[in-house]
Amino acid sequence: MRKAEFEQKYLGEKVQIELFDGDILTGFLQKTGAERFRNNPDLYLRRGFYCLTETLESQDCVNFLIFRFSHVQKIKFV
């Protein structure tokens, strides 16, 4: 899957992701650098990464973990 296809299909959706190190996370897929994360420098200043939030409106990521597209091994809708 290409990055553009990944973003189009999964951004803003509730997903379960398995990362390359075996971590499994569940939440709403968000892209860092978005204006909504302006008050959270960890998520606003690091562009080109992704995170999972507990709700669509939340500004905190699940487990404080951000990752790149290349770190994703498996993804599915929840």
N, C-alpha and C. Protein backbone atom coordinates (compact mmCIF):
# COMPACT_ATOMS: atom_id res chain seq x y z
N MET A 1 0.84 -1.17 0.00
CA MET A 1 0.00 0.00 0.00
C MET A 1 0.89 1.24 0.00
N ARG A 2 0.51 2.20 -0.77
CA ARG A 2 1.25 3.46 -0.83
C ARG A 2 0.77 4.41 0.26
N LYS A 3 1.62 5.39 0.55
CA LYS A 3 1.32 6.33 1.63
C LYS A 3 0.05 7.14 1.33
N ALA A 4 -0.13 7.58 0.10
CA ALA A 4 -1.31 8.36 -0.27
C ALA A 4 -2.58 7.53 -0.10
N GLU A 5 -2.53 6.28 -0.49
CA GLU A 5 -3.66 5.37 -0.35
C GLU A 5 -3.96 5.12 1.14
N PHE A 6 -2.90 4.96 1.92
CA PHE A 6 -3.01 4.76 3.37
C PHE A 6 -3.73 5.94 4.01
N GLU A 7 -3.32 7.16 3.67
CA GLU A 7 -3.92 8.36 4.24
C GLU A 7 -5.37 8.51 3.81
N GLN A 8 -5.64 8.29 2.55
CA GLN A 8 -7.00 8.45 2.04
C GLN A 8 -7.97 7.46 2.69
N LYS A 9 -7.52 6.26 2.90
CA LYS A 9 -8.38 5.21 3.41
C LYS A 9 -8.55 5.25 4.94
N TYR A 10 -7.49 5.57 5.68
CA TYR A 10 -7.50 5.39 7.13
C TYR A 10 -7.47 6.66 7.98
N LEU A 11 -7.06 7.81 7.46
CA LEU A 11 -6.99 9.03 8.28
C LEU A 11 -8.36 9.38 8.83
N GLY A 12 -8.43 9.62 10.12
CA GLY A 12 -9.67 9.98 10.79
C GLY A 12 -10.55 8.80 11.16
N GLU A 13 -10.13 7.60 10.83
CA GLU A 13 -10.90 6.40 11.12
C GLU A 13 -10.34 5.69 12.35
N LYS A 14 -11.19 4.93 13.03
CA LYS A 14 -10.74 4.15 14.18
C LYS A 14 -10.12 2.85 13.67
N VAL A 15 -8.85 2.66 14.01
CA VAL A 15 -8.09 1.52 13.48
C VAL A 15 -7.29 0.84 14.59
N GLN A 16 -6.84 -0.35 14.29
CA GLN A 16 -5.90 -1.08 15.13
C GLN A 16 -4.65 -1.26 14.29
N ILE A 17 -3.51 -0.83 14.82
CA ILE A 17 -2.25 -0.87 14.09
C ILE A 17 -1.25 -1.73 14.84
N GLU A 18 -0.55 -2.55 14.08
CA GLU A 18 0.58 -3.29 14.63
C GLU A 18 1.84 -2.68 14.04
N LEU A 19 2.73 -2.25 14.92
CA LEU A 19 3.99 -1.63 14.48
C LEU A 19 5.08 -2.69 14.32
N PHE A 20 6.19 -2.30 13.72
CA PHE A 20 7.27 -3.24 13.42
C PHE A 20 7.85 -3.91 14.67
N ASP A 21 7.74 -3.26 15.82
CA ASP A 21 8.30 -3.83 17.05
C ASP A 21 7.29 -4.69 17.82
N GLY A 22 6.11 -4.90 17.23
CA GLY A 22 5.10 -5.76 17.86
C GLY A 22 4.06 -5.02 18.68
N ASP A 23 4.23 -3.71 18.90
CA ASP A 23 3.23 -2.94 19.64
C ASP A 23 1.93 -2.89 18.85
N ILE A 24 0.82 -3.06 19.55
CA ILE A 24 -0.50 -2.97 18.93
C ILE A 24 -1.24 -1.82 19.60
N LEU A 25 -1.69 -0.85 18.78
CA LEU A 25 -2.37 0.33 19.27
C LEU A 25 -3.74 0.45 18.61
N THR A 26 -4.69 1.00 19.34
CA THR A 26 -6.03 1.22 18.81
C THR A 26 -6.43 2.67 19.05
N GLY A 27 -6.99 3.31 18.04
CA GLY A 27 -7.45 4.68 18.17
C GLY A 27 -7.76 5.28 16.81
N PHE A 28 -7.99 6.59 16.79
CA PHE A 28 -8.28 7.30 15.56
C PHE A 28 -6.96 7.79 14.95
N LEU A 29 -6.72 7.42 13.71
CA LEU A 29 -5.47 7.77 13.04
C LEU A 29 -5.45 9.25 12.69
N GLN A 30 -4.40 9.95 13.12
CA GLN A 30 -4.22 11.37 12.85
C GLN A 30 -2.82 11.62 12.32
N LYS A 31 -2.68 12.68 11.56
CA LYS A 31 -1.37 13.07 11.03
C LYS A 31 -0.82 14.22 11.88
N THR A 32 0.45 14.13 12.27
CA THR A 32 1.05 15.20 13.07
C THR A 32 1.24 16.44 12.21
N GLY A 33 1.41 17.58 12.86
CA GLY A 33 1.61 18.84 12.15
C GLY A 33 0.32 19.55 11.83
N ALA A 34 -0.81 18.97 12.17
CA ALA A 34 -2.11 19.59 11.90
C ALA A 34 -2.32 20.78 12.85
N GLU A 35 -3.09 21.73 12.39
CA GLU A 35 -3.36 22.95 13.16
C GLU A 35 -4.00 22.63 14.52
N ARG A 36 -4.79 21.58 14.60
CA ARG A 36 -5.46 21.23 15.86
C ARG A 36 -4.47 20.84 16.95
N PHE A 37 -3.23 20.48 16.58
CA PHE A 37 -2.21 20.11 17.56
C PHE A 37 -1.28 21.28 17.90
N ARG A 38 -1.68 22.50 17.56
CA ARG A 38 -0.83 23.68 17.75
C ARG A 38 -0.35 23.84 19.20
N ASN A 39 -1.15 23.44 20.18
CA ASN A 39 -0.78 23.59 21.60
C ASN A 39 0.02 22.42 22.13
N ASN A 40 0.30 21.44 21.31
CA ASN A 40 1.09 20.28 21.71
C ASN A 40 2.32 20.20 20.80
N PRO A 41 3.46 20.75 21.24
CA PRO A 41 4.63 20.83 20.36
C PRO A 41 5.14 19.47 19.88
N ASP A 42 4.95 18.42 20.66
CA ASP A 42 5.40 17.10 20.22
C ASP A 42 4.66 16.65 18.96
N LEU A 43 3.39 17.00 18.86
CA LEU A 43 2.59 16.59 17.72
C LEU A 43 2.54 17.64 16.61
N TYR A 44 2.79 18.89 16.95
CA TYR A 44 2.70 19.95 15.94
C TYR A 44 4.01 20.15 15.17
N LEU A 45 5.12 20.10 15.86
CA LEU A 45 6.40 20.40 15.22
C LEU A 45 6.98 19.23 14.43
N ARG A 46 6.60 18.02 14.76
CA ARG A 46 7.12 16.84 14.07
C ARG A 46 6.18 16.48 12.93
N ARG A 47 6.52 16.92 11.74
CA ARG A 47 5.67 16.68 10.58
C ARG A 47 6.08 15.39 9.88
N GLY A 48 5.14 14.77 9.20
CA GLY A 48 5.42 13.54 8.48
C GLY A 48 5.27 12.28 9.32
N PHE A 49 4.71 12.43 10.50
CA PHE A 49 4.48 11.29 11.38
C PHE A 49 2.98 11.11 11.57
N TYR A 50 2.62 10.02 12.22
CA TYR A 50 1.22 9.71 12.52
C TYR A 50 1.09 9.38 13.99
N CYS A 51 -0.12 9.51 14.50
CA CYS A 51 -0.41 9.12 15.87
C CYS A 51 -1.84 8.64 15.94
N LEU A 52 -2.18 7.99 17.03
CA LEU A 52 -3.54 7.55 17.28
C LEU A 52 -4.07 8.32 18.48
N THR A 53 -5.29 8.86 18.35
CA THR A 53 -5.92 9.56 19.45
C THR A 53 -7.12 8.76 19.93
N GLU A 54 -7.52 9.01 21.17
CA GLU A 54 -8.64 8.27 21.75
C GLU A 54 -9.98 8.69 21.14
N THR A 55 -10.12 9.97 20.78
CA THR A 55 -11.31 10.45 20.09
C THR A 55 -10.86 11.33 18.93
N LEU A 56 -11.77 11.63 18.03
CA LEU A 56 -11.41 12.49 16.90
C LEU A 56 -11.03 13.90 17.34
N GLU A 57 -11.62 14.38 18.44
CA GLU A 57 -11.36 15.74 18.90
C GLU A 57 -10.18 15.84 19.86
N SER A 58 -9.69 14.73 20.33
CA SER A 58 -8.61 14.71 21.32
C SER A 58 -7.32 15.28 20.75
N GLN A 59 -6.54 15.90 21.62
CA GLN A 59 -5.25 16.44 21.21
C GLN A 59 -4.08 15.66 21.81
N ASP A 60 -4.37 14.55 22.44
CA ASP A 60 -3.33 13.70 23.04
C ASP A 60 -3.30 12.37 22.31
N CYS A 61 -2.11 11.87 22.06
CA CYS A 61 -2.01 10.60 21.35
C CYS A 61 -1.99 9.43 22.34
N VAL A 62 -2.42 8.27 21.85
CA VAL A 62 -2.46 7.05 22.64
C VAL A 62 -1.03 6.63 22.97
N ASN A 63 -0.74 6.38 24.22
CA ASN A 63 0.59 5.94 24.69
C ASN A 63 1.71 6.91 24.33
N PHE A 64 1.39 8.15 23.99
CA PHE A 64 2.38 9.17 23.64
C PHE A 64 3.34 8.66 22.57
N LEU A 65 2.82 7.93 21.61
CA LEU A 65 3.65 7.30 20.59
C LEU A 65 3.31 7.88 19.22
N ILE A 66 4.32 8.36 18.51
CA ILE A 66 4.14 8.76 17.12
C ILE A 66 5.00 7.84 16.27
N PHE A 67 4.60 7.65 15.03
CA PHE A 67 5.28 6.68 14.18
C PHE A 67 5.22 7.13 12.73
N ARG A 68 6.09 6.56 11.93
CA ARG A 68 6.11 6.82 10.49
C ARG A 68 5.28 5.78 9.77
N PHE A 69 4.94 6.08 8.54
CA PHE A 69 4.19 5.14 7.71
C PHE A 69 4.94 3.83 7.56
N SER A 70 6.26 3.90 7.47
CA SER A 70 7.07 2.70 7.27
C SER A 70 7.09 1.78 8.50
N HIS A 71 6.69 2.28 9.65
CA HIS A 71 6.67 1.48 10.88
C HIS A 71 5.45 0.57 10.96
N VAL A 72 4.43 0.82 10.15
CA VAL A 72 3.18 0.07 10.21
C VAL A 72 3.34 -1.27 9.51
N GLN A 73 3.08 -2.35 10.24
CA GLN A 73 3.12 -3.69 9.66
C GLN A 73 1.73 -4.14 9.23
N LYS A 74 0.73 -3.95 10.09
CA LYS A 74 -0.64 -4.33 9.80
C LYS A 74 -1.56 -3.22 10.27
N ILE A 75 -2.66 -3.08 9.57
CA ILE A 75 -3.68 -2.10 9.96
C ILE A 75 -5.05 -2.66 9.60
N LYS A 76 -6.02 -2.42 10.48
CA LYS A 76 -7.39 -2.82 10.18
C LYS A 76 -8.35 -1.90 10.89
N PHE A 77 -9.56 -1.78 10.31
CA PHE A 77 -10.61 -0.98 10.93
C PHE A 77 -11.12 -1.68 12.18
N VAL A 78 -11.52 -0.88 13.16
CA VAL A 78 -12.10 -1.43 14.40
C VAL A 78 -13.56 -1.11 14.44
